[in-house]
C-alpha atoms as a PDB file:
ATOM      1  CA  UNK A   1       0.000   0.000   0.000  1.00  0.00           C
ATOM      2  CA  UNK A   2       1.322   3.397  -0.986  1.00  0.00           C
ATOM      3  CA  UNK A   3       1.685   6.053   1.747  1.00  0.00           C
ATOM      4  CA  UNK A   4      -1.314   8.421   1.914  1.00  0.00           C
ATOM      5  CA  UNK A   5       0.650  11.584   2.605  1.00  0.00           C
ATOM      6  CA  UNK A   6       4.101  13.088   2.930  1.00  0.00           C
ATOM      7  CA  UNK A   7       4.491  12.183   6.634  1.00  0.00           C
ATOM      8  CA  UNK A   8       3.660   8.524   5.997  1.00  0.00           C
ATOM      9  CA  UNK A   9       6.732   8.312   3.764  1.00  0.00           C
ATOM     10  CA  UNK A  10       9.052   9.558   6.509  1.00  0.00           C
ATOM     11  CA  UNK A  11      10.709   7.506   9.230  1.00  0.00           C
ATOM     12  CA  UNK A  12      10.161   8.451  12.913  1.00  0.00           C
ATOM     13  CA  UNK A  13      13.656   9.960  13.044  1.00  0.00           C
ATOM     14  CA  UNK A  14      12.997  12.104   9.962  1.00  0.00           C
ATOM     15  CA  UNK A  15       9.679  13.348  11.360  1.00  0.00           C
ATOM     16  CA  UNK A  16      11.268  14.234  14.709  1.00  0.00           C
ATOM     17  CA  UNK A  17      14.021  16.204  12.946  1.00  0.00           C
ATOM     18  CA  UNK A  18      11.365  17.954  10.846  1.00  0.00           C
ATOM     19  CA  UNK A  19       9.345  18.808  13.961  1.00  0.00           C
ATOM     20  CA  UNK A  20      12.384  20.255  15.738  1.00  0.00           C
ATOM     21  CA  UNK A  21      13.373  22.314  12.688  1.00  0.00           C
ATOM     22  CA  UNK A  22       9.788  23.576  12.413  1.00  0.00           C
ATOM     23  CA  UNK A  23       9.729  24.402  16.132  1.00  0.00           C
ATOM     24  CA  UNK A  24      12.993  26.329  15.756  1.00  0.00           C
ATOM     25  CA  UNK A  25      11.618  28.353  12.835  1.00  0.00           C
ATOM     26  CA  UNK A  26       8.352  29.140  14.643  1.00  0.00           C
ATOM     27  CA  UNK A  27      10.359  30.116  17.737  1.00  0.00           C
ATOM     28  CA  UNK A  28      12.547  32.366  15.581  1.00  0.00           C
ATOM     29  CA  UNK A  29       9.454  34.132  14.276  1.00  0.00           C
ATOM     30  CA  UNK A  30       8.014  34.566  17.780  1.00  0.00           C
ATOM     31  CA  UNK A  31      11.095  36.020  19.445  1.00  0.00           C
ATOM     32  CA  UNK A  32      11.705  38.353  16.495  1.00  0.00           C
ATOM     33  CA  UNK A  33       8.340  40.081  17.059  1.00  0.00           C
ATOM     34  CA  UNK A  34       9.094  43.734  17.923  1.00  0.00           C
ATOM     35  CA  UNK A  35       6.480  44.000  20.692  1.00  0.00           C
ATOM     36  CA  UNK A  36       8.368  41.336  22.682  1.00  0.00           C
ATOM     37  CA  UNK A  37      11.523  43.485  22.732  1.00  0.00           C
ATOM     38  CA  UNK A  38      12.496  46.383  24.927  1.00  0.00           C
ATOM     39  CA  UNK A  39      12.098  49.840  23.448  1.00  0.00           C
ATOM     40  CA  UNK A  40      14.757  50.647  20.868  1.00  0.00           C
ATOM     41  CA  UNK A  41      15.893  47.016  20.486  1.00  0.00           C
ATOM     42  CA  UNK A  42      15.913  45.457  17.020  1.00  0.00           C
ATOM     43  CA  UNK A  43      17.028  41.824  16.695  1.00  0.00           C
ATOM     44  CA  UNK A  44      18.438  40.674  13.382  1.00  0.00           C
ATOM     45  CA  UNK A  45      17.170  37.443  11.829  1.00  0.00           C
ATOM     46  CA  UNK A  46      20.412  35.580  12.564  1.00  0.00           C
ATOM     47  CA  UNK A  47      20.344  36.688  16.222  1.00  0.00           C
ATOM     48  CA  UNK A  48      16.720  35.569  16.522  1.00  0.00           C
ATOM     49  CA  UNK A  49      17.502  32.242  14.849  1.00  0.00           C
ATOM     50  CA  UNK A  50      20.513  31.611  17.083  1.00  0.00           C
ATOM     51  CA  UNK A  51      18.536  32.420  20.239  1.00  0.00           C
ATOM     52  CA  UNK A  52      15.611  30.239  19.120  1.00  0.00           C
ATOM     53  CA  UNK A  53      17.809  27.230  18.320  1.00  0.00           C
ATOM     54  CA  UNK A  54      19.668  27.677  21.606  1.00  0.00           C
ATOM     55  CA  UNK A  55      16.363  27.786  23.498  1.00  0.00           C
ATOM     56  CA  UNK A  56      14.693  24.873  21.702  1.00  0.00           C
ATOM     57  CA  UNK A  57      17.817  22.756  22.234  1.00  0.00           C
ATOM     58  CA  UNK A  58      18.215  24.093  25.818  1.00  0.00           C
ATOM     59  CA  UNK A  59      21.847  24.925  25.080  1.00  0.00           C
ATOM     60  CA  UNK A  60      21.938  28.287  26.842  1.00  0.00           C
ATOM     61  CA  UNK A  61      24.237  30.095  24.416  1.00  0.00           C
ATOM     62  CA  UNK A  62      23.214  33.636  23.467  1.00  0.00           C
ATOM     63  CA  UNK A  63      24.607  36.372  21.245  1.00  0.00           C
ATOM     64  CA  UNK A  64      22.503  39.078  22.895  1.00  0.00           C
ATOM     65  CA  UNK A  65      21.702  39.902  26.513  1.00  0.00           C
ATOM     66  CA  UNK A  66      18.364  38.245  27.285  1.00  0.00           C
ATOM     67  CA  UNK A  67      17.709  40.692  30.125  1.00  0.00           C
ATOM     68  CA  UNK A  68      18.377  43.765  27.972  1.00  0.00           C
ATOM     69  CA  UNK A  69      16.697  42.505  24.788  1.00  0.00           C
ATOM     70  CA  UNK A  70      13.297  41.156  25.849  1.00  0.00           C
ATOM     71  CA  UNK A  71      10.440  42.626  27.860  1.00  0.00           C
ATOM     72  CA  UNK A  72       8.130  40.679  30.181  1.00  0.00           C
ATOM     73  CA  UNK A  73       6.155  39.252  27.251  1.00  0.00           C
ATOM     74  CA  UNK A  74       9.390  38.098  25.667  1.00  0.00           C
ATOM     75  CA  UNK A  75      10.392  36.366  28.893  1.00  0.00           C
ATOM     76  CA  UNK A  76       7.166  34.342  28.906  1.00  0.00           C
ATOM     77  CA  UNK A  77       7.577  33.383  25.243  1.00  0.00           C
ATOM     78  CA  UNK A  78      11.130  32.232  25.989  1.00  0.00           C
ATOM     79  CA  UNK A  79       9.880  30.176  28.946  1.00  0.00           C
ATOM     80  CA  UNK A  80       7.357  28.509  26.632  1.00  0.00           C
ATOM     81  CA  UNK A  81      10.092  27.696  24.103  1.00  0.00           C
ATOM     82  CA  UNK A  82      12.323  26.324  26.865  1.00  0.00           C
ATOM     83  CA  UNK A  83       9.502  23.971  27.851  1.00  0.00           C
ATOM     84  CA  UNK A  84       9.431  22.534  24.340  1.00  0.00           C
ATOM     85  CA  UNK A  85      13.183  22.039  24.456  1.00  0.00           C
ATOM     86  CA  UNK A  86      13.325  20.617  27.975  1.00  0.00           C
ATOM     87  CA  UNK A  87      10.317  18.302  27.831  1.00  0.00           C
ATOM     88  CA  UNK A  88      10.533  17.438  24.153  1.00  0.00           C
ATOM     89  CA  UNK A  89       8.693  18.747  21.114  1.00  0.00           C
ATOM     90  CA  UNK A  90       6.886  15.460  20.494  1.00  0.00           C
ATOM     91  CA  UNK A  91       5.865  15.018  24.139  1.00  0.00           C
ATOM     92  CA  UNK A  92       4.519  18.537  24.589  1.00  0.00           C
ATOM     93  CA  UNK A  93       2.928  18.483  21.153  1.00  0.00           C
ATOM     94  CA  UNK A  94       1.132  15.244  21.988  1.00  0.00           C
ATOM     95  CA  UNK A  95      -0.143  16.699  25.264  1.00  0.00           C
ATOM     96  CA  UNK A  96      -1.655  19.627  23.337  1.00  0.00           C
ATOM     97  CA  UNK A  97      -3.142  17.039  20.959  1.00  0.00           C
ATOM     98  CA  UNK A  98      -4.753  15.290  23.951  1.00  0.00           C
ATOM     99  CA  UNK A  99      -6.138  18.576  25.292  1.00  0.00           C
ATOM    100  CA  UNK A 100      -7.853  19.065  21.935  1.00  0.00           C
ATOM    101  CA  UNK A 101      -9.538  15.693  22.423  1.00  0.00           C
ATOM    102  CA  UNK A 102      -7.685  13.948  19.610  1.00  0.00           C
ATOM    103  CA  UNK A 103      -6.822  10.263  19.562  1.00  0.00           C
ATOM    104  CA  UNK A 104      -3.157   9.238  19.769  1.00  0.00           C
ATOM    105  CA  UNK A 105      -2.542   6.844  16.907  1.00  0.00           C
ATOM    106  CA  UNK A 106       0.200   4.278  16.377  1.00  0.00           C
ATOM    107  CA  UNK A 107       2.353   6.640  14.280  1.00  0.00           C
ATOM    108  CA  UNK A 108       2.389   9.328  16.973  1.00  0.00           C
ATOM    109  CA  UNK A 109       3.072   6.731  19.681  1.00  0.00           C
ATOM    110  CA  UNK A 110       6.057   5.547  17.649  1.00  0.00           C
ATOM    111  CA  UNK A 111       7.330   9.136  17.430  1.00  0.00           C
ATOM    112  CA  UNK A 112       7.032   9.603  21.198  1.00  0.00           C
ATOM    113  CA  UNK A 113       8.785   6.276  21.776  1.00  0.00           C
ATOM    114  CA  UNK A 114      11.696   7.414  19.604  1.00  0.00           C
ATOM    115  CA  UNK A 115      11.807  10.954  21.025  1.00  0.00           C
ATOM    116  CA  UNK A 116      11.818   9.733  24.631  1.00  0.00           C
ATOM    117  CA  UNK A 117      14.121   6.762  23.914  1.00  0.00           C
ATOM    118  CA  UNK A 118      11.530   4.213  25.086  1.00  0.00           C
ATOM    119  CA  UNK A 119      11.719   0.523  24.220  1.00  0.00           C
ATOM    120  CA  UNK A 120       7.953  -0.213  24.165  1.00  0.00           C
ATOM    121  CA  UNK A 121       4.669   1.405  23.134  1.00  0.00           C
ATOM    122  CA  UNK A 122       2.836   0.489  26.342  1.00  0.00           C
ATOM    123  CA  UNK A 123       1.757   3.283  28.682  1.00  0.00           C
ATOM    124  CA  UNK A 124       2.813   6.033  26.282  1.00  0.00           C
ATOM    125  CA  UNK A 125      -0.064   8.432  27.009  1.00  0.00           C
ATOM    126  CA  UNK A 126       0.240   7.819  30.748  1.00  0.00           C
ATOM    127  CA  UNK A 127       3.976   8.519  30.459  1.00  0.00           C
ATOM    128  CA  UNK A 128       3.323  11.908  28.832  1.00  0.00           C
ATOM    129  CA  UNK A 129       0.857  12.905  31.532  1.00  0.00           C
ATOM    130  CA  UNK A 130       3.278  11.861  34.276  1.00  0.00           C
ATOM    131  CA  UNK A 131       6.191  13.748  32.704  1.00  0.00           C
ATOM    132  CA  UNK A 132       4.202  16.963  32.363  1.00  0.00           C
ATOM    133  CA  UNK A 133       2.662  16.687  35.832  1.00  0.00           C
ATOM    134  CA  UNK A 134       6.046  16.157  37.494  1.00  0.00           C
ATOM    135  CA  UNK A 135       7.813  18.934  35.566  1.00  0.00           C
ATOM    136  CA  UNK A 136       5.007  21.463  36.090  1.00  0.00           C
ATOM    137  CA  UNK A 137       4.861  20.730  39.832  1.00  0.00           C
ATOM    138  CA  UNK A 138       8.651  21.084  40.165  1.00  0.00           C
ATOM    139  CA  UNK A 139       8.679  24.346  38.208  1.00  0.00           C
ATOM    140  CA  UNK A 140       5.732  25.866  40.091  1.00  0.00           C
ATOM    141  CA  UNK A 141       7.216  25.021  43.493  1.00  0.00           C
ATOM    142  CA  UNK A 142      10.603  26.365  42.382  1.00  0.00           C
ATOM    143  CA  UNK A 143       9.014  29.552  41.003  1.00  0.00           C
ATOM    144  CA  UNK A 144       7.056  30.188  44.215  1.00  0.00           C
ATOM    145  CA  UNK A 145      10.053  29.603  46.488  1.00  0.00           C
ATOM    146  CA  UNK A 146      12.402  31.753  44.412  1.00  0.00           C
ATOM    147  CA  UNK A 147       9.740  34.387  43.729  1.00  0.00           C
ATOM    148  CA  UNK A 148       9.029  34.920  47.421  1.00  0.00           C
ATOM    149  CA  UNK A 149      12.730  34.892  48.260  1.00  0.00           C
ATOM    150  CA  UNK A 150      13.626  37.309  45.442  1.00  0.00           C
ATOM    151  CA  UNK A 151      11.417  40.041  46.924  1.00  0.00           C
ATOM    152  CA  UNK A 152      14.483  41.079  48.928  1.00  0.00           C
ATOM    153  CA  UNK A 153      16.535  41.466  45.734  1.00  0.00           C
ATOM    154  CA  UNK A 154      14.133  43.175  43.329  1.00  0.00           C
ATOM    155  CA  UNK A 155      12.147  46.413  43.780  1.00  0.00           C
ATOM    156  CA  UNK A 156       8.665  45.049  42.974  1.00  0.00           C
ATOM    157  CA  UNK A 157       6.830  41.817  43.792  1.00  0.00           C
ATOM    158  CA  UNK A 158       5.956  41.280  40.122  1.00  0.00           C
ATOM    159  CA  UNK A 159       9.599  41.522  39.048  1.00  0.00           C
ATOM    160  CA  UNK A 160      10.640  39.161  41.848  1.00  0.00           C
ATOM    161  CA  UNK A 161       8.126  36.510  40.752  1.00  0.00           C
ATOM    162  CA  UNK A 162       8.967  36.911  37.056  1.00  0.00           C
ATOM    163  CA  UNK A 163      12.634  36.407  37.937  1.00  0.00           C
ATOM    164  CA  UNK A 164      11.691  33.421  40.110  1.00  0.00           C
ATOM    165  CA  UNK A 165       9.537  31.823  37.418  1.00  0.00           C
ATOM    166  CA  UNK A 166      12.159  32.262  34.699  1.00  0.00           C
ATOM    167  CA  UNK A 167      14.946  30.976  36.955  1.00  0.00           C
ATOM    168  CA  UNK A 168      12.864  27.925  37.901  1.00  0.00           C
ATOM    169  CA  UNK A 169      12.009  27.036  34.286  1.00  0.00           C
ATOM    170  CA  UNK A 170      15.566  27.651  33.090  1.00  0.00           C
ATOM    171  CA  UNK A 171      17.099  25.520  35.845  1.00  0.00           C
ATOM    172  CA  UNK A 172      14.570  22.667  35.603  1.00  0.00           C
ATOM    173  CA  UNK A 173      14.924  22.417  31.828  1.00  0.00           C
ATOM    174  CA  UNK A 174      18.708  22.814  32.194  1.00  0.00           C
ATOM    175  CA  UNK A 175      18.508  25.626  29.640  1.00  0.00           C
ATOM    176  CA  UNK A 176      21.119  27.994  31.069  1.00  0.00           C
ATOM    177  CA  UNK A 177      19.202  31.159  30.159  1.00  0.00           C
ATOM    178  CA  UNK A 178      18.918  34.006  32.664  1.00  0.00           C
ATOM    179  CA  UNK A 179      17.256  37.421  32.876  1.00  0.00           C
ATOM    180  CA  UNK A 180      19.476  38.847  35.607  1.00  0.00           C
ATOM    181  CA  UNK A 181      22.133  39.872  33.094  1.00  0.00           C
ATOM    182  CA  UNK A 182      24.885  38.007  34.941  1.00  0.00           C
ATOM    183  CA  UNK A 183      23.589  34.443  35.372  1.00  0.00           C
ATOM    184  CA  UNK A 184      23.623  33.696  39.139  1.00  0.00           C
ATOM    185  CA  UNK A 185      26.775  35.665  39.943  1.00  0.00           C
ATOM    186  CA  UNK A 186      24.683  38.169  41.923  1.00  0.00           C
ATOM    187  CA  UNK A 187      23.785  35.262  44.250  1.00  0.00           C
ATOM    188  CA  UNK A 188      27.348  34.027  44.710  1.00  0.00           C
ATOM    189  CA  UNK A 189      27.091  34.484  48.493  1.00  0.00           C
ATOM    190  CA  UNK A 190      23.448  33.417  48.786  1.00  0.00           C
ATOM    191  CA  UNK A 191      23.574  29.709  49.528  1.00  0.00           C
ATOM    192  CA  UNK A 192      19.792  29.329  49.666  1.00  0.00           C
ATOM    193  CA  UNK A 193      19.403  30.455  46.041  1.00  0.00           C
ATOM    194  CA  UNK A 194      22.286  28.212  45.039  1.00  0.00           C
ATOM    195  CA  UNK A 195      20.787  25.226  46.870  1.00  0.00           C
ATOM    196  CA  UNK A 196      17.367  25.663  45.222  1.00  0.00           C
ATOM    197  CA  UNK A 197      19.000  25.942  41.799  1.00  0.00           C
ATOM    198  CA  UNK A 198      21.172  22.886  42.445  1.00  0.00           C
ATOM    199  CA  UNK A 199      18.012  20.969  43.357  1.00  0.00           C
ATOM    200  CA  UNK A 200      16.150  22.137  40.244  1.00  0.00           C
ATOM    201  CA  UNK A 201      19.130  21.450  37.979  1.00  0.00           C
ATOM    202  CA  UNK A 202      19.462  17.948  39.420  1.00  0.00           C
ATOM    203  CA  UNK A 203      15.761  17.133  39.095  1.00  0.00           C
ATOM    204  CA  UNK A 204      15.825  18.353  35.513  1.00  0.00           C
ATOM    205  CA  UNK A 205      18.996  16.513  34.540  1.00  0.00           C
ATOM    206  CA  UNK A 206      18.538  13.146  36.196  1.00  0.00           C
ATOM    207  CA  UNK A 207      15.869  12.030  33.722  1.00  0.00           C
ATOM    208  CA  UNK A 208      12.124  11.418  33.528  1.00  0.00           C
ATOM    209  CA  UNK A 209      12.256   7.648  34.284  1.00  0.00           C
ATOM    210  CA  UNK A 210      13.980   8.337  37.611  1.00  0.00           C
ATOM    211  CA  UNK A 211      11.536  11.117  38.521  1.00  0.00           C
ATOM    212  CA  UNK A 212       8.552   8.905  37.704  1.00  0.00           C
ATOM    213  CA  UNK A 213       9.875   6.138  39.961  1.00  0.00           C
ATOM    214  CA  UNK A 214      10.481   8.648  42.771  1.00  0.00           C
ATOM    215  CA  UNK A 215       6.900   9.874  42.328  1.00  0.00           C
ATOM    216  CA  UNK A 216       5.605   6.291  42.464  1.00  0.00           C
ATOM    217  CA  UNK A 217       7.614   5.688  45.641  1.00  0.00           C
ATOM    218  CA  UNK A 218       6.294   8.837  47.338  1.00  0.00           C
ATOM    219  CA  UNK A 219       2.677   8.087  46.394  1.00  0.00           C
ATOM    220  CA  UNK A 220       2.650   4.345  47.170  1.00  0.00           C
ATOM    221  CA  UNK A 221       0.293   3.055  49.823  1.00  0.00           C
ATOM    222  CA  UNK A 222       1.732   2.509  53.261  1.00  0.00           C
ATOM    223  CA  UNK A 223       2.901  -1.057  53.616  1.00  0.00           C
ATOM    224  CA  UNK A 224       3.174  -1.694  49.866  1.00  0.00           C
ATOM    225  CA  UNK A 225       6.505  -3.048  48.704  1.00  0.00           C
ATOM    226  CA  UNK A 226       8.442  -0.851  46.307  1.00  0.00           C
ATOM    227  CA  UNK A 227      11.827  -1.368  44.729  1.00  0.00           C
ATOM    228  CA  UNK A 228      13.675   1.068  42.498  1.00  0.00           C
ATOM    229  CA  UNK A 229      14.760  -0.322  39.139  1.00  0.00           C
ATOM    230  CA  UNK A 230      18.389  -1.033  38.332  1.00  0.00           C
ATOM    231  CA  UNK A 231      18.295   1.847  35.839  1.00  0.00           C
ATOM    232  CA  UNK A 232      17.253   4.350  38.525  1.00  0.00           C
ATOM    233  CA  UNK A 233      19.846   3.048  40.982  1.00  0.00           C
ATOM    234  CA  UNK A 234      22.680   3.197  38.456  1.00  0.00           C
ATOM    235  CA  UNK A 235      21.613   6.609  37.138  1.00  0.00           C
ATOM    236  CA  UNK A 236      21.358   8.126  40.622  1.00  0.00           C
ATOM    237  CA  UNK A 237      24.647   6.663  41.829  1.00  0.00           C
ATOM    238  CA  UNK A 238      26.477   7.705  38.657  1.00  0.00           C
ATOM    239  CA  UNK A 239      25.000  11.213  38.784  1.00  0.00           C
ATOM    240  CA  UNK A 240      25.974  11.671  42.436  1.00  0.00           C
ATOM    241  CA  UNK A 241      29.467  10.284  41.827  1.00  0.00           C
ATOM    242  CA  UNK A 242      30.072  12.643  38.900  1.00  0.00           C
ATOM    243  CA  UNK A 243      28.918  15.640  40.948  1.00  0.00           C
ATOM    244  CA  UNK A 244      31.120  14.739  43.923  1.00  0.00           C
ATOM    245  CA  UNK A 245      34.192  13.917  41.822  1.00  0.00           C
ATOM    246  CA  UNK A 246      33.653  17.048  39.734  1.00  0.00           C
ATOM    247  CA  UNK A 247      33.418  19.266  42.822  1.00  0.00           C
ATOM    248  CA  UNK A 248      36.594  17.750  44.279  1.00  0.00           C
ATOM    249  CA  UNK A 249      38.511  18.248  41.027  1.00  0.00           C
ATOM    250  CA  UNK A 250      37.305  21.845  40.642  1.00  0.00           C
ATOM    251  CA  UNK A 251      38.395  22.645  44.184  1.00  0.00           C
ATOM    252  CA  UNK A 252      41.716  20.814  43.828  1.00  0.00           C
ATOM    253  CA  UNK A 253      42.788  22.527  40.596  1.00  0.00           C
ATOM    254  CA  UNK A 254      41.698  26.008  41.714  1.00  0.00           C
ATOM    255  CA  UNK A 255      42.545  25.808  45.428  1.00  0.00           C
ATOM    256  CA  UNK A 256      45.576  28.093  45.079  1.00  0.00           C
ATOM    257  CA  UNK A 257      43.845  30.558  42.758  1.00  0.00           C
ATOM    258  CA  UNK A 258      40.133  31.380  42.978  1.00  0.00           C
ATOM    259  CA  UNK A 259      39.605  29.546  46.272  1.00  0.00           C
ATOM    260  CA  UNK A 260      42.797  30.786  47.938  1.00  0.00           C
ATOM    261  CA  UNK A 261      41.043  33.616  49.806  1.00  0.00           C
ATOM    262  CA  UNK A 262      37.685  31.862  50.274  1.00  0.00           C
ATOM    263  CA  UNK A 263      36.356  30.185  53.422  1.00  0.00           C
ATOM    264  CA  UNK A 264      35.633  26.450  53.359  1.00  0.00           C
ATOM    265  CA  UNK A 265      31.871  26.874  52.957  1.00  0.00           C
ATOM    266  CA  UNK A 266      32.326  29.424  50.142  1.00  0.00           C
ATOM    267  CA  UNK A 267      34.709  27.075  48.355  1.00  0.00           C
ATOM    268  CA  UNK A 268      32.337  24.140  48.911  1.00  0.00           C
ATOM    269  CA  UNK A 269      29.327  25.878  47.347  1.00  0.00           C
ATOM    270  CA  UNK A 270      31.332  27.351  44.467  1.00  0.00           C
ATOM    271  CA  UNK A 271      32.805  23.947  43.586  1.00  0.00           C
ATOM    272  CA  UNK A 272      29.537  22.058  44.106  1.00  0.00           C
ATOM    273  CA  UNK A 273      27.483  24.458  42.006  1.00  0.00           C
ATOM    274  CA  UNK A 274      29.975  24.477  39.125  1.00  0.00           C
ATOM    275  CA  UNK A 275      30.124  20.680  39.196  1.00  0.00           C
ATOM    276  CA  UNK A 276      26.324  20.394  38.946  1.00  0.00           C
ATOM    277  CA  UNK A 277      25.830  23.117  36.350  1.00  0.00           C
ATOM    278  CA  UNK A 278      28.667  22.093  34.023  1.00  0.00           C
ATOM    279  CA  UNK A 279      26.966  18.743  33.387  1.00  0.00           C
ATOM    280  CA  UNK A 280      24.237  20.533  31.430  1.00  0.00           C
ATOM    281  CA  UNK A 281      22.909  23.481  33.436  1.00  0.00           C
ATOM    282  CA  UNK A 282      24.760  26.383  31.863  1.00  0.00           C
ATOM    283  CA  UNK A 283      24.390  28.661  34.905  1.00  0.00           C
ATOM    284  CA  UNK A 284      27.269  30.120  36.908  1.00  0.00           C
ATOM    285  CA  UNK A 285      27.947  31.730  40.290  1.00  0.00           C
ATOM    286  CA  UNK A 286      31.449  32.841  39.328  1.00  0.00           C
ATOM    287  CA  UNK A 287      33.109  34.581  36.401  1.00  0.00           C
ATOM    288  CA  UNK A 288      34.609  31.563  34.655  1.00  0.00           C
END
């Protein structure tokens, strides 16, 4: 039987690439809209494209200052784009498809399986709902905590909560974007902000399968037996080991330079934060 349309002739990998390219182009169009920029700012097409690709791929590289280029509307559009990059274009797209009351067919399930690196088709829709629920809860809690705490740093409550929301989304998706203008350097001596960001970066980087198992463990009935899978155990142990070893190496190689005039707790947090963020976070508390 001949394929009915263009998409039927494409493999799952080709469709996913096409979706990501399309998402990048749509994102480029959105962030190039003048009313999302600060007064007097004009972004070129190549700057918009670079920023869009960086956001959709949660890379965190920018050629313009995010804080000085975009207004509040632009911040929210960027947060939306970061969600697509962090959660996955196919996953978030399928969730929107579900909200519209559409049926998830075999082709779309195959795309999700490929995009999320799953080995089976079973429980695909349930997986999407769990992923989105967990990520949204983490981001909302992070935004509320940081928003309330940031009221001591920013002149208005609205600015504090916008900063908190953006920081929470950026850290959870491991995007590396910031709207402070200097990443987290302004919080280099604020260990509470660093701790919350370390937590969000870790939850975002450790992977959806691990988070889903943690959720299942926390919501299990009292007395029910629960055992974490080998994958979750190995992932968690490896992640923790890399963070610890990374922090030790950072401190060791810079102990006579950057850390030479720092107290032990300052050195500890500097080294720990850089170890966590260099895995994929893209944020910084020091001028590297």
